[in-house]
Protein backbone atom coordinates (compact mmCIF):
# COMPACT_ATOMS: atom_id res chain seq x y z
CA UNK A 1 -73.79 -67.43 237.10
CA UNK A 2 -73.46 -64.89 234.37
CA UNK A 3 -71.97 -65.62 230.97
CA UNK A 4 -71.19 -63.69 227.83
CA UNK A 5 -71.15 -65.92 224.74
CA UNK A 6 -69.51 -64.72 221.56
CA UNK A 7 -69.67 -66.75 218.39
CA UNK A 8 -66.17 -66.90 216.97
CA UNK A 9 -64.29 -68.09 213.92
CA UNK A 10 -61.33 -68.61 216.23
CA UNK A 11 -60.22 -67.63 219.72
CA UNK A 12 -57.23 -68.06 221.98
CA UNK A 13 -56.08 -67.18 225.47
CA UNK A 14 -52.52 -66.28 226.37
CA UNK A 15 -50.94 -66.18 229.83
CA UNK A 16 -47.45 -64.85 230.31
CA UNK A 17 -46.83 -64.77 226.58
CA UNK A 18 -47.80 -68.44 226.13
CA UNK A 19 -50.99 -69.64 224.41
CA UNK A 20 -52.74 -71.86 226.96
CA UNK A 21 -55.96 -72.46 225.03
CA UNK A 22 -57.14 -72.04 221.45
CA UNK A 23 -60.18 -73.02 219.40
CA UNK A 24 -61.43 -72.82 215.86
CA UNK A 25 -65.06 -72.08 215.03
CA UNK A 26 -67.34 -72.10 218.05
CA UNK A 27 -68.04 -69.98 221.11
CA UNK A 28 -65.93 -67.99 223.54
CA UNK A 29 -67.66 -68.11 226.92
CA UNK A 30 -66.75 -65.59 229.62
CA UNK A 31 -68.17 -66.80 232.95
CA UNK A 32 -68.68 -65.00 236.25
CA UNK A 33 -69.72 -66.68 239.48
CA UNK A 34 -71.74 -65.09 242.28
CA UNK A 35 -72.24 -66.12 245.92
CA UNK A 36 -75.43 -68.14 245.46
CA UNK A 37 -74.09 -70.33 242.64
CA UNK A 38 -73.63 -74.06 243.18
CA UNK A 39 -72.69 -77.14 241.12
CA UNK A 40 -76.27 -77.44 239.84
CA UNK A 41 -76.00 -73.88 238.47
CA UNK A 42 -72.84 -74.87 236.60
CA UNK A 43 -74.65 -77.84 235.06
CA UNK A 44 -77.52 -75.63 233.89
CA UNK A 45 -75.11 -73.15 232.34
CA UNK A 46 -73.16 -75.88 230.54
CA UNK A 47 -76.36 -77.36 229.10
CA UNK A 48 -77.51 -73.94 227.93
CA UNK A 49 -74.16 -73.13 226.28
CA UNK A 50 -73.99 -76.50 224.48
CA UNK A 51 -77.58 -76.47 223.26
CA UNK A 52 -78.25 -72.77 222.66
CA UNK A 53 -79.01 -72.06 219.01
CA UNK A 54 -76.47 -69.40 218.08
CA UNK A 55 -74.61 -71.02 215.19
CA UNK A 56 -75.43 -70.57 211.50
CA UNK A 57 -77.49 -73.17 209.70
CA UNK A 58 -77.31 -74.10 206.00
CA UNK A 59 -79.19 -70.92 205.05
CA UNK A 60 -76.88 -68.75 207.16
CA UNK A 61 -79.56 -68.13 209.79
CA UNK A 62 -78.96 -68.50 213.50
CA UNK A 63 -80.55 -71.92 213.83
CA UNK A 64 -78.08 -74.54 215.08
CA UNK A 65 -76.69 -75.22 218.50
CA UNK A 66 -73.00 -75.40 219.29
CA UNK A 67 -73.51 -79.16 219.63
CA UNK A 68 -75.17 -79.40 216.19
CA UNK A 69 -72.39 -77.37 214.59
CA UNK A 70 -69.68 -79.36 216.37
CA UNK A 71 -68.34 -76.03 217.59
CA UNK A 72 -65.49 -75.71 220.03
CA UNK A 73 -65.65 -73.77 223.30
CA UNK A 74 -63.12 -71.44 224.90
CA UNK A 75 -64.14 -71.10 228.57
CA UNK A 76 -62.71 -68.12 230.47
CA UNK A 77 -63.41 -67.15 234.08
CA UNK A 78 -64.21 -63.46 234.46
CA UNK A 79 -65.19 -62.13 237.88
CA UNK A 80 -65.64 -58.65 236.40
CA UNK A 81 -68.99 -59.74 234.96
CA UNK A 82 -70.32 -59.11 238.46
CA UNK A 83 -68.87 -55.61 238.67
CA UNK A 84 -71.44 -53.14 239.98
CA UNK A 85 -71.08 -49.66 238.51
CA UNK A 86 -74.40 -48.25 239.72
CA UNK A 87 -72.70 -45.83 242.13
CA UNK A 88 -69.60 -43.74 241.74
CA UNK A 89 -66.81 -44.38 239.27
CA UNK A 90 -65.13 -47.37 240.79
CA UNK A 91 -66.74 -50.79 240.24
CA UNK A 92 -67.68 -52.83 243.28
CA UNK A 93 -66.80 -56.51 243.07
CA UNK A 94 -69.04 -57.45 246.02
CA UNK A 95 -71.32 -59.54 243.76
CA UNK A 96 -68.46 -61.76 242.57
CA UNK A 97 -67.84 -65.00 244.44
CA UNK A 98 -64.53 -65.57 246.22
CA UNK A 99 -62.02 -67.74 244.32
CA UNK A 100 -62.62 -70.69 246.69
CA UNK A 101 -66.21 -70.90 245.43
CA UNK A 102 -65.72 -69.66 241.88
CA UNK A 103 -62.84 -71.82 240.68
CA UNK A 104 -64.48 -75.22 241.33
CA UNK A 105 -67.69 -74.01 239.68
CA UNK A 106 -65.88 -72.81 236.56
CA UNK A 107 -64.15 -76.20 236.44
CA UNK A 108 -67.56 -77.89 236.80
CA UNK A 109 -68.88 -75.99 233.77
CA UNK A 110 -65.93 -77.30 231.74
CA UNK A 111 -66.38 -80.86 233.02
CA UNK A 112 -70.09 -80.82 232.22
CA UNK A 113 -69.46 -79.52 228.70
CA UNK A 114 -66.83 -82.20 228.08
CA UNK A 115 -69.24 -84.87 229.33
CA UNK A 116 -71.76 -83.65 226.74
CA UNK A 117 -69.13 -84.08 224.03
CA UNK A 118 -67.72 -80.57 223.72
CA UNK A 119 -64.12 -79.77 222.89
CA UNK A 120 -63.32 -77.26 225.64
CA UNK A 121 -60.21 -75.14 226.06
CA UNK A 122 -59.72 -72.91 229.09
CA UNK A 123 -57.73 -70.04 230.45
CA UNK A 124 -55.95 -70.07 233.80
CA UNK A 125 -58.16 -69.17 236.76
CA UNK A 126 -57.09 -65.94 238.43
CA UNK A 127 -54.35 -65.18 235.89
CA UNK A 128 -53.92 -62.02 233.88
CA UNK A 129 -55.08 -63.31 230.49
CA UNK A 130 -55.08 -61.91 226.99
CA UNK A 131 -58.10 -63.25 225.10
CA UNK A 132 -58.06 -62.92 221.32
CA UNK A 133 -61.23 -63.56 219.38
CA UNK A 134 -62.32 -63.29 215.80
CA UNK A 135 -66.03 -62.54 216.12
CA UNK A 136 -68.37 -64.33 213.74
CA UNK A 137 -71.51 -62.37 212.91
CA UNK A 138 -70.96 -60.80 215.36
CA UNK A 139 -73.26 -62.81 217.59
CA UNK A 140 -73.07 -62.05 221.32
CA UNK A 141 -75.50 -63.29 223.97
CA UNK A 142 -75.67 -62.70 227.72
CA UNK A 143 -76.94 -65.42 230.05
CA UNK A 144 -77.95 -65.03 233.67
CA UNK A 145 -78.56 -68.41 235.28
């Protein structure tokens, strides 16, 4: 799995003109799934997202986890994270898992985060989504699990 985490003051996702998920301060997590990913991979990613120190502490330094900061999470599936642009001008999506594999794993990440105590909002798998974020920092991290 590959994820892009952006610390946000707020974030929302809109599908068909309707807001389907919105959070306050926390992290927007864009997640891509590849062919070798499995439920265990989703659990590892969820644990990393929830416990990764990327939130400001009392001194304004990056020193607290999302869990410590009681941050919210906006979880968005994004197969384009596995786009390969090493040749030519058209990305290859060969590294991205098929929806039958990817959707349950994205859902597993959300379930695992909720089990840990996270407030998680999501987009709609496979939909054309508009994601609005107000970056905080900005702080952006890339995870490959």
